[in-house]
N, C-alpha and C. Protein backbone atom coordinates (compact mmCIF):
# COMPACT_ATOMS: atom_id res chain seq x y z
N MET A 1 0.86 -1.15 0.04
CA MET A 1 -0.01 -0.01 0.01
C MET A 1 0.92 1.27 0.00
N ASN A 2 0.51 2.22 -0.77
CA ASN A 2 1.32 3.49 -0.82
C ASN A 2 1.03 4.44 0.21
N ASP A 3 1.96 5.01 0.76
CA ASP A 3 1.80 6.00 1.84
C ASP A 3 1.69 7.41 1.32
N ASP A 4 0.50 7.95 1.24
CA ASP A 4 0.12 9.26 0.64
C ASP A 4 0.79 10.37 1.42
N SER A 5 1.30 10.16 2.52
CA SER A 5 1.82 11.26 3.38
C SER A 5 3.17 11.80 2.92
N HIS A 6 3.75 10.84 1.95
CA HIS A 6 5.18 11.28 1.50
C HIS A 6 5.08 11.72 0.10
N GLU A 7 5.92 12.85 -0.24
CA GLU A 7 5.92 13.28 -1.66
C GLU A 7 6.69 12.38 -2.45
N SER A 8 6.24 12.11 -3.69
CA SER A 8 6.98 11.16 -4.60
C SER A 8 8.28 11.87 -5.03
N PRO A 9 9.36 11.24 -5.39
CA PRO A 9 10.63 11.67 -5.81
C PRO A 9 10.53 12.56 -7.08
N ALA A 10 9.72 12.12 -8.09
CA ALA A 10 9.67 12.80 -9.30
C ALA A 10 9.27 14.33 -9.13
N PRO A 11 8.11 14.73 -8.43
CA PRO A 11 7.85 16.11 -8.28
C PRO A 11 8.99 16.87 -7.63
N ARG A 12 9.71 16.31 -6.68
CA ARG A 12 10.76 16.91 -5.98
C ARG A 12 11.92 17.34 -7.05
N ARG A 13 12.26 16.35 -7.89
CA ARG A 13 13.25 16.63 -8.98
C ARG A 13 12.84 17.70 -9.85
N ALA A 14 11.50 17.74 -10.24
CA ALA A 14 10.94 18.60 -11.18
C ALA A 14 11.04 20.05 -10.56
N SER A 15 10.60 20.14 -9.18
CA SER A 15 10.66 21.45 -8.50
C SER A 15 12.04 22.00 -8.54
N ARG A 16 13.11 21.17 -8.42
CA ARG A 16 14.51 21.55 -8.35
C ARG A 16 14.90 22.09 -9.67
N ARG A 17 14.41 21.52 -10.76
CA ARG A 17 14.92 21.92 -12.09
C ARG A 17 14.29 23.22 -12.47
N VAL A 18 13.14 23.66 -11.99
CA VAL A 18 12.58 24.90 -12.50
C VAL A 18 13.53 26.13 -12.13
N PRO A 19 14.00 26.33 -10.98
CA PRO A 19 14.93 27.48 -10.82
C PRO A 19 16.22 27.37 -11.63
N ILE A 20 16.71 26.13 -11.93
CA ILE A 20 17.87 26.04 -12.66
C ILE A 20 17.59 26.37 -14.04
N ILE A 21 16.42 26.07 -14.63
CA ILE A 21 16.10 26.34 -15.92
C ILE A 21 15.87 27.86 -16.14
N LEU A 22 15.25 28.49 -15.16
CA LEU A 22 14.98 29.99 -15.09
C LEU A 22 16.29 30.72 -15.07
N ALA A 23 17.16 30.18 -14.28
CA ALA A 23 18.54 30.86 -14.08
C ALA A 23 19.27 30.80 -15.50
N ALA A 24 19.19 29.71 -16.11
CA ALA A 24 19.84 29.47 -17.43
C ALA A 24 19.28 30.40 -18.43
N ILE A 25 17.95 30.65 -18.45
CA ILE A 25 17.34 31.53 -19.38
C ILE A 25 17.81 32.99 -19.13
N LEU A 26 17.88 33.34 -17.83
CA LEU A 26 18.22 34.75 -17.49
C LEU A 26 19.68 35.00 -17.91
N VAL A 27 20.57 33.98 -17.59
CA VAL A 27 21.95 34.16 -17.99
C VAL A 27 22.12 34.24 -19.44
N GLY A 28 21.39 33.40 -20.28
CA GLY A 28 21.46 33.56 -21.71
C GLY A 28 20.95 34.82 -22.24
N ALA A 29 19.93 35.37 -21.71
CA ALA A 29 19.31 36.61 -22.07
C ALA A 29 20.35 37.67 -21.70
N ALA A 30 20.95 37.71 -20.49
CA ALA A 30 21.96 38.69 -20.21
C ALA A 30 23.09 38.62 -21.09
N ALA A 31 23.57 37.50 -21.55
CA ALA A 31 24.79 37.44 -22.32
C ALA A 31 24.38 37.99 -23.77
N GLY A 32 23.17 37.64 -24.29
CA GLY A 32 22.64 38.29 -25.49
C GLY A 32 22.67 39.76 -25.50
N PHE A 33 22.08 40.24 -24.40
CA PHE A 33 21.95 41.74 -24.27
C PHE A 33 23.31 42.34 -24.22
N ALA A 34 24.20 41.67 -23.55
CA ALA A 34 25.49 42.32 -23.39
C ALA A 34 26.27 42.26 -24.78
N GLY A 35 25.97 41.15 -25.58
CA GLY A 35 26.67 41.16 -26.90
C GLY A 35 26.15 42.25 -27.84
N VAL A 36 24.76 42.44 -27.86
CA VAL A 36 24.16 43.38 -28.67
C VAL A 36 24.68 44.81 -28.17
N TYR A 37 24.63 45.03 -26.90
CA TYR A 37 24.97 46.37 -26.29
C TYR A 37 26.44 46.58 -26.69
N GLY A 38 27.33 45.61 -26.59
CA GLY A 38 28.69 45.75 -26.77
C GLY A 38 28.95 46.20 -28.19
N ILE A 39 28.26 45.48 -29.10
CA ILE A 39 28.43 45.88 -30.56
C ILE A 39 27.95 47.33 -30.88
N ALA A 40 26.77 47.63 -30.21
CA ALA A 40 26.36 49.07 -30.40
C ALA A 40 27.26 50.08 -29.78
N ALA A 41 27.95 49.70 -28.67
CA ALA A 41 28.84 50.58 -28.06
C ALA A 41 30.11 50.86 -28.93
N LEU A 42 30.49 49.71 -29.62
CA LEU A 42 31.61 49.86 -30.48
C LEU A 42 31.28 50.74 -31.72
N LYS A 43 30.11 50.62 -32.17
CA LYS A 43 29.66 51.49 -33.26
C LYS A 43 29.66 52.96 -33.00
N ARG A 44 29.18 53.32 -31.69
CA ARG A 44 29.05 54.59 -31.18
C ARG A 44 30.45 55.11 -30.95
N ASN A 45 31.42 54.30 -30.41
CA ASN A 45 32.63 54.75 -30.00
C ASN A 45 33.78 53.84 -30.75
N PRO A 46 33.90 54.08 -32.10
CA PRO A 46 34.95 53.21 -32.79
C PRO A 46 36.30 53.40 -32.27
N PRO A 47 37.12 52.45 -32.36
CA PRO A 47 38.56 52.59 -31.96
C PRO A 47 39.28 53.83 -32.67
N GLY A 48 40.09 54.55 -32.10
CA GLY A 48 40.77 55.57 -32.64
C GLY A 48 41.56 55.29 -33.89
N ASP A 49 41.98 56.12 -34.69
CA ASP A 49 42.78 55.91 -35.91
C ASP A 49 44.27 55.97 -35.37
N PRO A 50 45.00 54.83 -35.48
CA PRO A 50 46.31 54.71 -35.11
C PRO A 50 47.26 55.78 -35.79
N ALA A 51 46.79 56.23 -36.96
CA ALA A 51 47.65 57.19 -37.61
C ALA A 51 47.56 58.57 -37.04
N CYS A 52 46.61 58.75 -36.04
CA CYS A 52 46.52 60.00 -35.36
C CYS A 52 47.28 60.03 -34.08
N ARG A 53 47.94 58.89 -33.76
CA ARG A 53 48.74 58.85 -32.46
C ARG A 53 49.73 60.03 -32.37
N PRO A 54 50.37 60.47 -33.48
CA PRO A 54 51.41 61.58 -33.40
C PRO A 54 50.71 62.89 -32.91
N ALA A 55 49.39 63.12 -33.27
CA ALA A 55 48.72 64.28 -32.84
C ALA A 55 48.43 64.18 -31.30
N VAL A 56 48.15 63.00 -30.80
CA VAL A 56 48.00 62.81 -29.39
C VAL A 56 49.34 63.10 -28.68
N ASP A 57 50.44 62.61 -29.28
CA ASP A 57 51.73 62.88 -28.63
C ASP A 57 52.01 64.37 -28.55
N LEU A 58 51.75 65.08 -29.65
CA LEU A 58 51.89 66.44 -29.76
C LEU A 58 51.07 67.16 -28.76
N ALA A 59 49.79 66.68 -28.60
CA ALA A 59 48.88 67.35 -27.64
C ALA A 59 49.45 67.34 -26.24
N GLN A 60 50.01 66.10 -25.88
CA GLN A 60 50.54 65.96 -24.58
C GLN A 60 51.82 66.78 -24.33
N LYS A 61 52.55 66.98 -25.40
CA LYS A 61 53.73 67.82 -25.37
C LYS A 61 53.48 69.20 -25.07
N ILE A 62 52.48 69.80 -25.73
CA ILE A 62 52.18 71.18 -25.57
C ILE A 62 51.10 71.43 -24.60
N ALA A 63 50.59 70.42 -23.84
CA ALA A 63 49.57 70.54 -22.85
C ALA A 63 49.89 71.57 -21.84
N PRO A 64 51.20 71.68 -21.27
CA PRO A 64 51.51 72.65 -20.33
C PRO A 64 51.36 74.14 -20.72
N LEU A 65 51.24 74.34 -22.11
CA LEU A 65 51.01 75.68 -22.59
C LEU A 65 49.47 76.04 -22.57
N ALA A 66 48.59 75.03 -22.34
CA ALA A 66 47.21 75.36 -22.31
C ALA A 66 46.86 75.99 -20.98
N LYS A 67 47.13 77.40 -20.89
CA LYS A 67 46.94 77.94 -19.63
C LYS A 67 46.45 79.40 -19.95
N GLY A 68 46.11 80.11 -18.86
CA GLY A 68 45.78 81.51 -19.04
C GLY A 68 44.59 81.66 -20.02
N GLU A 69 44.70 82.41 -21.11
CA GLU A 69 43.55 82.63 -21.88
C GLU A 69 43.12 81.44 -22.73
N VAL A 70 43.96 80.47 -22.73
CA VAL A 70 43.53 79.16 -23.39
C VAL A 70 43.52 77.92 -22.57
N ALA A 71 43.23 78.14 -21.30
CA ALA A 71 43.26 77.17 -20.33
C ALA A 71 42.09 76.14 -20.44
N ALA A 72 41.02 76.72 -21.11
CA ALA A 72 39.87 75.81 -21.26
C ALA A 72 40.04 74.79 -22.40
N LEU A 73 41.16 74.83 -23.12
CA LEU A 73 41.43 73.88 -24.18
C LEU A 73 41.49 72.44 -23.58
N THR A 74 40.88 71.45 -24.23
CA THR A 74 40.97 70.12 -23.87
C THR A 74 41.91 69.44 -24.84
N MET A 75 42.99 68.94 -24.35
CA MET A 75 44.04 68.37 -25.26
C MET A 75 43.65 66.87 -25.63
N ALA A 76 43.96 66.53 -26.78
CA ALA A 76 43.56 65.17 -27.31
C ALA A 76 44.34 64.10 -26.37
N THR A 77 43.62 63.12 -25.97
CA THR A 77 44.20 62.03 -25.24
C THR A 77 43.92 60.62 -25.93
N ALA A 78 43.17 60.69 -26.92
CA ALA A 78 43.04 59.44 -27.83
C ALA A 78 43.03 59.92 -29.17
N PRO A 79 43.56 58.96 -30.04
CA PRO A 79 43.61 59.39 -31.53
C PRO A 79 42.28 59.54 -32.22
N LEU A 80 42.05 60.76 -32.77
CA LEU A 80 40.66 61.00 -33.41
C LEU A 80 40.97 61.73 -34.76
N ARG A 81 40.55 61.09 -35.78
CA ARG A 81 40.51 61.83 -37.14
C ARG A 81 39.20 62.44 -37.31
N LEU A 82 39.19 63.74 -37.58
CA LEU A 82 37.95 64.46 -37.74
C LEU A 82 37.18 64.01 -38.99
N PRO A 83 35.86 64.11 -39.04
CA PRO A 83 35.19 63.87 -40.26
C PRO A 83 35.52 64.75 -41.34
N GLN A 84 35.37 64.39 -42.56
CA GLN A 84 35.60 65.21 -43.70
C GLN A 84 34.62 66.35 -43.84
N LEU A 85 34.73 67.22 -42.98
CA LEU A 85 33.69 68.37 -42.97
C LEU A 85 33.59 68.96 -44.35
N ALA A 86 32.33 69.13 -44.88
CA ALA A 86 32.10 69.82 -46.10
C ALA A 86 31.46 71.12 -46.02
N PHE A 87 31.98 72.13 -46.71
CA PHE A 87 31.42 73.52 -46.66
C PHE A 87 31.89 74.15 -47.93
N ALA A 88 31.73 75.45 -48.01
CA ALA A 88 32.05 76.20 -49.19
C ALA A 88 32.88 77.35 -48.84
N ASP A 89 33.68 77.91 -49.94
CA ASP A 89 34.39 79.07 -49.64
C ASP A 89 33.49 80.30 -50.12
N GLY A 90 34.22 81.57 -50.02
CA GLY A 90 33.36 82.68 -50.36
C GLY A 90 32.85 82.81 -51.71
N ALA A 91 33.56 82.00 -52.70
CA ALA A 91 33.09 81.92 -53.99
C ALA A 91 32.06 80.82 -54.33
N GLY A 92 31.72 80.18 -53.26
CA GLY A 92 30.73 79.02 -53.39
C GLY A 92 31.42 77.72 -53.80
N GLN A 93 32.72 77.62 -53.87
CA GLN A 93 33.37 76.41 -54.28
C GLN A 93 33.37 75.42 -52.97
N PRO A 94 33.23 74.19 -53.31
CA PRO A 94 33.18 73.20 -52.21
C PRO A 94 34.59 72.99 -51.64
N LYS A 95 34.55 72.83 -50.33
CA LYS A 95 35.85 72.64 -49.51
C LYS A 95 35.54 71.45 -48.63
N THR A 96 36.74 70.78 -48.23
CA THR A 96 36.71 69.76 -47.14
C THR A 96 38.06 69.92 -46.41
N LEU A 97 38.16 69.39 -45.24
CA LEU A 97 39.39 69.42 -44.44
C LEU A 97 40.67 69.05 -45.31
N SER A 98 40.30 68.12 -46.23
CA SER A 98 41.51 67.55 -46.94
C SER A 98 42.19 68.57 -47.83
N ASP A 99 41.49 69.74 -48.09
CA ASP A 99 42.12 70.86 -48.89
C ASP A 99 43.25 71.55 -47.99
N TRP A 100 43.33 71.23 -46.69
CA TRP A 100 44.39 71.82 -45.92
C TRP A 100 45.43 70.68 -45.49
N ARG A 101 45.48 69.70 -46.21
CA ARG A 101 46.35 68.59 -45.92
C ARG A 101 47.81 69.21 -45.87
N GLY A 102 48.52 68.82 -44.71
CA GLY A 102 49.87 69.28 -44.52
C GLY A 102 49.96 70.64 -43.85
N LYS A 103 48.80 71.19 -43.47
CA LYS A 103 48.80 72.39 -42.80
C LYS A 103 48.01 72.35 -41.40
N THR A 104 48.52 72.79 -40.32
CA THR A 104 47.81 72.90 -39.06
C THR A 104 46.69 73.98 -39.16
N ILE A 105 45.53 73.62 -38.78
CA ILE A 105 44.44 74.51 -38.86
C ILE A 105 43.59 74.60 -37.55
N LEU A 106 43.11 75.76 -37.41
CA LEU A 106 42.12 75.99 -36.23
C LEU A 106 40.71 76.08 -36.86
N VAL A 107 39.94 74.98 -36.77
CA VAL A 107 38.63 74.95 -37.39
C VAL A 107 37.69 75.65 -36.31
N ASN A 108 36.94 76.72 -36.64
CA ASN A 108 36.08 77.42 -35.76
C ASN A 108 34.73 77.37 -36.41
N LEU A 109 33.63 77.11 -35.55
CA LEU A 109 32.26 77.17 -36.08
C LEU A 109 31.68 78.46 -35.45
N TRP A 110 31.10 79.31 -36.28
CA TRP A 110 30.41 80.48 -35.67
C TRP A 110 29.22 80.86 -36.40
N ALA A 111 28.44 81.81 -35.86
CA ALA A 111 27.21 82.13 -36.39
C ALA A 111 26.91 83.64 -35.91
N THR A 112 26.18 84.47 -36.71
CA THR A 112 25.90 85.74 -36.30
C THR A 112 24.92 85.81 -35.15
N TRP A 113 24.13 84.81 -34.93
CA TRP A 113 23.07 84.81 -33.88
C TRP A 113 23.89 84.41 -32.48
N CYS A 114 25.08 84.01 -32.67
CA CYS A 114 25.79 83.59 -31.35
C CYS A 114 26.66 84.75 -30.94
N VAL A 115 26.22 85.39 -29.83
CA VAL A 115 26.85 86.55 -29.29
C VAL A 115 28.41 86.32 -28.96
N PRO A 116 28.74 85.16 -28.26
CA PRO A 116 30.20 84.87 -28.01
C PRO A 116 30.96 84.71 -29.23
N CYS A 117 30.30 84.26 -30.32
CA CYS A 117 30.97 84.00 -31.62
C CYS A 117 31.45 85.29 -32.13
N ARG A 118 30.47 86.32 -32.13
CA ARG A 118 30.72 87.61 -32.79
C ARG A 118 31.90 88.25 -31.96
N LYS A 119 31.82 88.11 -30.64
CA LYS A 119 32.94 88.77 -29.69
C LYS A 119 34.26 88.11 -30.06
N GLU A 120 34.19 86.89 -30.31
CA GLU A 120 35.50 86.14 -30.67
C GLU A 120 36.19 86.42 -31.97
N MET A 121 35.39 86.84 -32.92
CA MET A 121 35.81 86.98 -34.34
C MET A 121 37.06 87.83 -34.43
N PRO A 122 37.09 89.09 -33.79
CA PRO A 122 38.27 89.89 -33.91
C PRO A 122 39.47 89.10 -33.56
N ALA A 123 39.57 88.45 -32.40
CA ALA A 123 40.71 87.75 -32.02
C ALA A 123 41.16 86.66 -32.99
N LEU A 124 40.14 85.91 -33.57
CA LEU A 124 40.55 85.02 -34.62
C LEU A 124 41.18 85.71 -35.83
N ASP A 125 40.62 86.79 -36.20
CA ASP A 125 41.19 87.58 -37.32
C ASP A 125 42.48 88.08 -37.03
N ASN A 126 42.83 88.44 -35.77
CA ASN A 126 44.23 88.89 -35.35
C ASN A 126 45.19 87.69 -35.42
N LEU A 127 44.68 86.54 -34.96
CA LEU A 127 45.43 85.25 -34.88
C LEU A 127 45.87 84.98 -36.30
N GLN A 128 44.93 85.08 -37.27
CA GLN A 128 45.27 84.69 -38.69
C GLN A 128 46.29 85.73 -39.26
N GLY A 129 46.12 87.03 -38.86
CA GLY A 129 47.13 88.02 -39.26
C GLY A 129 48.51 87.88 -38.65
N LYS A 130 48.58 87.30 -37.47
CA LYS A 130 49.89 87.20 -36.80
C LYS A 130 50.54 85.90 -37.15
N LEU A 131 49.80 84.80 -37.30
CA LEU A 131 50.49 83.42 -37.47
C LEU A 131 50.10 82.82 -38.82
N GLY A 132 49.15 83.33 -39.57
CA GLY A 132 48.69 82.66 -40.82
C GLY A 132 49.92 82.50 -41.79
N SER A 133 50.09 81.39 -42.28
CA SER A 133 51.26 81.11 -43.11
C SER A 133 51.00 79.85 -43.86
N GLU A 134 52.07 79.29 -44.54
CA GLU A 134 51.89 78.06 -45.26
C GLU A 134 51.83 76.84 -44.20
N ARG A 135 52.06 77.14 -42.90
CA ARG A 135 51.99 76.12 -41.85
C ARG A 135 50.70 76.20 -41.04
N PHE A 136 50.10 77.32 -41.06
CA PHE A 136 48.92 77.46 -40.17
C PHE A 136 47.86 78.45 -40.74
N GLU A 137 46.60 77.99 -40.53
CA GLU A 137 45.39 78.95 -40.91
C GLU A 137 44.23 78.76 -40.09
N VAL A 138 43.52 79.82 -39.77
CA VAL A 138 42.31 79.83 -39.16
C VAL A 138 41.20 79.55 -40.17
N VAL A 139 40.46 78.44 -40.04
CA VAL A 139 39.38 78.04 -40.91
C VAL A 139 38.06 78.37 -40.15
N ALA A 140 37.49 79.52 -40.21
CA ALA A 140 36.27 79.90 -39.51
C ALA A 140 35.00 79.60 -40.46
N ILE A 141 34.17 78.73 -40.03
CA ILE A 141 33.11 78.21 -40.87
C ILE A 141 31.75 78.77 -40.28
N ASN A 142 31.12 79.61 -41.04
CA ASN A 142 29.82 80.24 -40.63
C ASN A 142 28.68 79.22 -40.88
N ILE A 143 27.86 79.07 -39.86
CA ILE A 143 26.63 78.10 -39.99
C ILE A 143 25.26 78.83 -39.87
N ASP A 144 25.19 80.11 -40.32
CA ASP A 144 23.96 80.84 -40.39
C ASP A 144 23.16 79.98 -41.44
N THR A 145 21.88 79.72 -41.14
CA THR A 145 21.07 78.92 -42.16
C THR A 145 20.09 79.89 -42.80
N ARG A 146 20.18 81.23 -42.55
CA ARG A 146 19.28 82.16 -43.26
C ARG A 146 20.22 83.41 -43.72
N ASP A 147 19.66 84.06 -44.72
CA ASP A 147 20.35 85.19 -45.17
C ASP A 147 21.89 85.14 -45.33
N PRO A 148 22.34 84.50 -46.41
CA PRO A 148 23.83 84.29 -46.57
C PRO A 148 24.61 85.57 -46.61
N ASP A 149 23.98 86.71 -46.81
CA ASP A 149 24.77 87.99 -46.89
C ASP A 149 25.07 88.52 -45.44
N LYS A 150 24.19 88.13 -44.50
CA LYS A 150 24.29 88.56 -43.11
C LYS A 150 25.78 88.33 -42.52
N PRO A 151 26.35 87.12 -42.54
CA PRO A 151 27.61 86.93 -42.02
C PRO A 151 28.67 87.70 -42.82
N LYS A 152 28.70 87.85 -44.12
CA LYS A 152 29.44 88.50 -44.96
C LYS A 152 29.56 89.95 -44.59
N ASN A 153 28.35 90.46 -44.37
CA ASN A 153 28.27 91.94 -44.00
C ASN A 153 28.83 92.14 -42.60
N PHE A 154 28.66 91.14 -41.73
CA PHE A 154 29.22 91.27 -40.41
C PHE A 154 30.72 91.39 -40.42
N LEU A 155 31.43 90.60 -41.21
CA LEU A 155 32.84 90.50 -41.29
C LEU A 155 33.29 91.89 -41.95
N LYS A 156 32.58 92.25 -42.90
CA LYS A 156 33.00 93.58 -43.56
C LYS A 156 32.84 94.72 -42.65
N ASP A 157 31.72 94.80 -41.96
CA ASP A 157 31.43 96.02 -41.18
C ASP A 157 32.30 96.05 -39.98
N ALA A 158 32.79 94.84 -39.49
CA ALA A 158 33.81 94.74 -38.44
C ALA A 158 35.24 94.89 -38.87
N GLY A 159 35.44 95.03 -40.20
CA GLY A 159 36.82 95.12 -40.66
C GLY A 159 37.60 93.90 -40.47
N LEU A 160 37.05 92.82 -40.52
CA LEU A 160 37.76 91.48 -40.35
C LEU A 160 38.15 90.91 -41.65
N ALA A 161 39.15 91.37 -42.20
CA ALA A 161 39.48 91.08 -43.65
C ALA A 161 40.50 89.99 -43.81
N ARG A 162 41.11 89.66 -42.70
CA ARG A 162 42.26 88.59 -42.80
C ARG A 162 41.76 87.10 -42.72
N LEU A 163 40.51 86.92 -42.23
CA LEU A 163 39.99 85.68 -42.29
C LEU A 163 39.37 85.35 -43.64
N GLY A 164 39.53 84.09 -44.05
CA GLY A 164 38.92 83.64 -45.28
C GLY A 164 37.45 83.37 -44.88
N TYR A 165 36.57 83.50 -45.83
CA TYR A 165 35.15 83.31 -45.60
C TYR A 165 34.75 81.85 -45.97
N PHE A 166 34.24 81.08 -45.07
CA PHE A 166 33.71 79.73 -45.28
C PHE A 166 32.38 79.58 -44.65
N ALA A 167 31.56 78.90 -45.29
CA ALA A 167 30.09 78.76 -44.70
C ALA A 167 29.54 77.41 -45.07
N ASP A 168 28.57 76.99 -44.32
CA ASP A 168 27.87 75.80 -44.41
C ASP A 168 26.41 76.15 -44.02
N PRO A 169 25.54 76.60 -44.94
CA PRO A 169 24.23 77.07 -44.63
C PRO A 169 23.30 75.92 -44.03
N ASN A 170 23.71 74.75 -44.33
CA ASN A 170 22.98 73.54 -43.66
C ASN A 170 23.35 73.14 -42.28
N ALA A 171 24.51 73.79 -41.77
CA ALA A 171 24.96 73.54 -40.47
C ALA A 171 25.34 72.17 -40.20
N LYS A 172 25.66 71.31 -41.30
CA LYS A 172 25.96 69.89 -41.20
C LYS A 172 27.28 69.75 -40.45
N VAL A 173 28.28 70.77 -40.71
CA VAL A 173 29.54 70.62 -40.07
C VAL A 173 29.40 70.55 -38.57
N PHE A 174 28.37 71.30 -38.00
CA PHE A 174 28.21 71.23 -36.56
C PHE A 174 27.72 69.85 -36.08
N GLN A 175 26.73 69.22 -36.89
CA GLN A 175 26.22 67.92 -36.63
C GLN A 175 27.39 66.87 -36.71
N ASP A 176 28.25 67.09 -37.79
CA ASP A 176 29.33 66.06 -37.91
C ASP A 176 30.24 66.05 -36.84
N LEU A 177 30.66 67.28 -36.28
CA LEU A 177 31.51 67.45 -35.16
C LEU A 177 30.82 67.00 -33.88
N LYS A 178 29.52 67.24 -33.78
CA LYS A 178 28.74 66.79 -32.64
C LYS A 178 28.72 65.17 -32.50
N ALA A 179 28.65 64.56 -33.73
CA ALA A 179 28.65 63.15 -33.80
C ALA A 179 29.81 62.53 -33.20
N VAL A 180 30.96 63.17 -33.24
CA VAL A 180 32.18 62.72 -32.61
C VAL A 180 32.48 63.29 -31.26
N GLY A 181 31.50 63.99 -30.75
CA GLY A 181 31.68 64.62 -29.33
C GLY A 181 32.48 65.91 -29.29
N ARG A 182 32.58 66.56 -30.55
CA ARG A 182 33.41 67.68 -30.57
C ARG A 182 32.67 69.08 -30.76
N ALA A 183 31.39 69.02 -30.73
CA ALA A 183 30.63 70.27 -30.82
C ALA A 183 29.42 70.16 -29.89
N LEU A 184 29.56 70.77 -28.77
CA LEU A 184 28.51 70.77 -27.80
C LEU A 184 27.68 72.06 -27.71
N GLY A 185 28.30 73.11 -28.24
CA GLY A 185 27.60 74.44 -28.26
C GLY A 185 28.42 75.36 -29.19
N MET A 186 28.09 76.62 -29.18
CA MET A 186 28.66 77.59 -30.05
C MET A 186 29.40 78.71 -29.11
N PRO A 187 30.52 79.20 -29.54
CA PRO A 187 31.38 78.62 -30.60
C PRO A 187 32.12 77.37 -30.26
N THR A 188 32.63 76.66 -31.30
CA THR A 188 33.45 75.51 -31.07
C THR A 188 34.69 75.69 -31.96
N SER A 189 35.84 75.38 -31.35
CA SER A 189 37.06 75.41 -32.17
C SER A 189 37.85 74.07 -31.95
N VAL A 190 38.42 73.66 -33.02
CA VAL A 190 39.31 72.38 -32.89
C VAL A 190 40.67 72.64 -33.63
N LEU A 191 41.65 72.35 -32.90
CA LEU A 191 42.98 72.59 -33.50
C LEU A 191 43.34 71.13 -34.09
N VAL A 192 43.61 71.19 -35.48
CA VAL A 192 43.75 70.01 -36.22
C VAL A 192 45.12 70.00 -36.86
N ASP A 193 45.80 68.86 -36.90
CA ASP A 193 47.06 68.66 -37.41
C ASP A 193 47.02 68.49 -39.03
N GLY A 194 48.16 68.44 -39.67
CA GLY A 194 48.12 68.34 -41.10
C GLY A 194 47.58 67.13 -41.80
N THR A 195 47.27 66.10 -40.88
CA THR A 195 46.74 64.82 -41.46
C THR A 195 45.24 64.78 -41.06
N GLY A 196 44.61 65.82 -40.50
CA GLY A 196 43.27 65.80 -40.16
C GLY A 196 42.86 65.17 -38.79
N CYS A 197 43.94 65.14 -37.89
CA CYS A 197 43.67 64.63 -36.54
C CYS A 197 43.62 65.66 -35.52
N GLU A 198 42.71 65.39 -34.49
CA GLU A 198 42.58 66.42 -33.38
C GLU A 198 43.78 66.54 -32.53
N ILE A 199 44.24 67.74 -32.22
CA ILE A 199 45.21 68.11 -31.33
C ILE A 199 44.55 68.66 -30.04
N ALA A 200 43.57 69.47 -30.15
CA ALA A 200 42.87 70.03 -28.97
C ALA A 200 41.53 70.62 -29.41
N THR A 201 40.63 70.77 -28.39
CA THR A 201 39.32 71.19 -28.72
C THR A 201 38.87 72.20 -27.59
N ILE A 202 38.11 73.19 -27.93
CA ILE A 202 37.54 74.09 -26.91
C ILE A 202 36.06 74.32 -27.18
N ALA A 203 35.26 74.22 -26.21
CA ALA A 203 33.91 74.57 -26.31
C ALA A 203 33.77 75.95 -25.74
N GLY A 204 33.36 76.94 -26.58
CA GLY A 204 33.36 78.42 -26.01
C GLY A 204 34.47 79.26 -26.55
N PRO A 205 34.31 80.58 -26.37
CA PRO A 205 35.22 81.43 -26.94
C PRO A 205 36.61 81.48 -26.22
N ALA A 206 37.70 81.99 -26.86
CA ALA A 206 38.96 82.23 -26.32
C ALA A 206 39.58 83.35 -26.84
N GLU A 207 40.54 83.97 -26.25
CA GLU A 207 41.30 85.16 -26.65
C GLU A 207 42.42 84.61 -27.47
N TRP A 208 42.17 84.37 -28.86
CA TRP A 208 43.01 83.70 -29.68
C TRP A 208 44.23 84.53 -30.06
N ASP A 209 44.17 85.81 -29.91
CA ASP A 209 45.28 86.63 -30.22
C ASP A 209 46.15 87.05 -29.00
N SER A 210 45.88 86.38 -27.87
CA SER A 210 46.64 86.53 -26.67
C SER A 210 47.95 85.89 -26.75
N SER A 211 48.91 86.32 -25.84
CA SER A 211 50.22 85.70 -25.84
C SER A 211 50.16 84.21 -25.59
N ASP A 212 49.21 83.77 -24.68
CA ASP A 212 49.08 82.38 -24.33
C ASP A 212 48.73 81.64 -25.66
N ALA A 213 47.69 82.08 -26.37
CA ALA A 213 47.35 81.35 -27.48
C ALA A 213 48.41 81.36 -28.57
N LEU A 214 49.12 82.39 -28.77
CA LEU A 214 50.17 82.39 -29.83
C LEU A 214 51.29 81.59 -29.48
N THR A 215 51.64 81.43 -28.23
CA THR A 215 52.67 80.59 -27.83
C THR A 215 52.33 79.16 -28.08
N LEU A 216 51.02 78.76 -27.74
CA LEU A 216 50.57 77.49 -27.87
C LEU A 216 50.54 77.01 -29.35
N ILE A 217 49.97 77.89 -30.22
CA ILE A 217 49.95 77.61 -31.62
C ILE A 217 51.24 77.51 -32.25
N ASP A 218 52.14 78.39 -31.86
CA ASP A 218 53.56 78.36 -32.33
C ASP A 218 54.15 77.04 -32.05
N ALA A 219 54.00 76.52 -30.77
CA ALA A 219 54.44 75.19 -30.48
C ALA A 219 53.84 74.01 -31.23
N ALA A 220 52.58 74.12 -31.52
CA ALA A 220 51.80 73.15 -32.33
C ALA A 220 52.30 73.12 -33.75
N THR A 221 52.78 74.18 -34.31
CA THR A 221 53.17 74.20 -35.69
C THR A 221 54.64 74.10 -35.92
N ALA A 222 55.33 73.97 -34.75
CA ALA A 222 56.86 74.03 -34.92
C ALA A 222 57.27 72.73 -35.68
N ARG A 223 58.23 72.72 -36.44
CA ARG A 223 58.84 71.63 -37.18
C ARG A 223 60.23 71.42 -36.93
């Protein structure tokens, strides 16, 4: 005769298997999520371009000069090649960063609706006048999306004739720099070496014609 007061072995084994099965499902799901998340993270933050390592080395070399009026500069700590920003010159001819291959440039994004940008422009114009050469150039790109004559008239009225005029009325250059974490507001400036790699970035204005800035850029362009 069977004793109904005791649980049969089969249900006990089944009850023990349920938590094990659930745990296996959770571990598998977690592993799958981690794999997908890891791939997505790599897509968002791709490995740096090894060819840009010299720009990082240069950034660390001149880092002690990022003080005073240019203390807000963030020096490159990982190799980053900038996107091939596309814009136009004053004659409407297409330009990209590759047009400055072999020359250190200070890429600056500005707009007439940006008060700090307007205040910064004379210093950028002076910087171009003092250090502009076959080794260095200020590439100030206007991103006004309305009335293309307004930024031109602003430069003319302010007597800023040493800067070349460059513009992107679609403001895509801002979005391209934002996509690599280098444009969080206006103005934005990026010091770029002759191969298109980041040396330093600053969010906000700077006194680009100050002795601090001139010393730093002289060091960045020294050969």
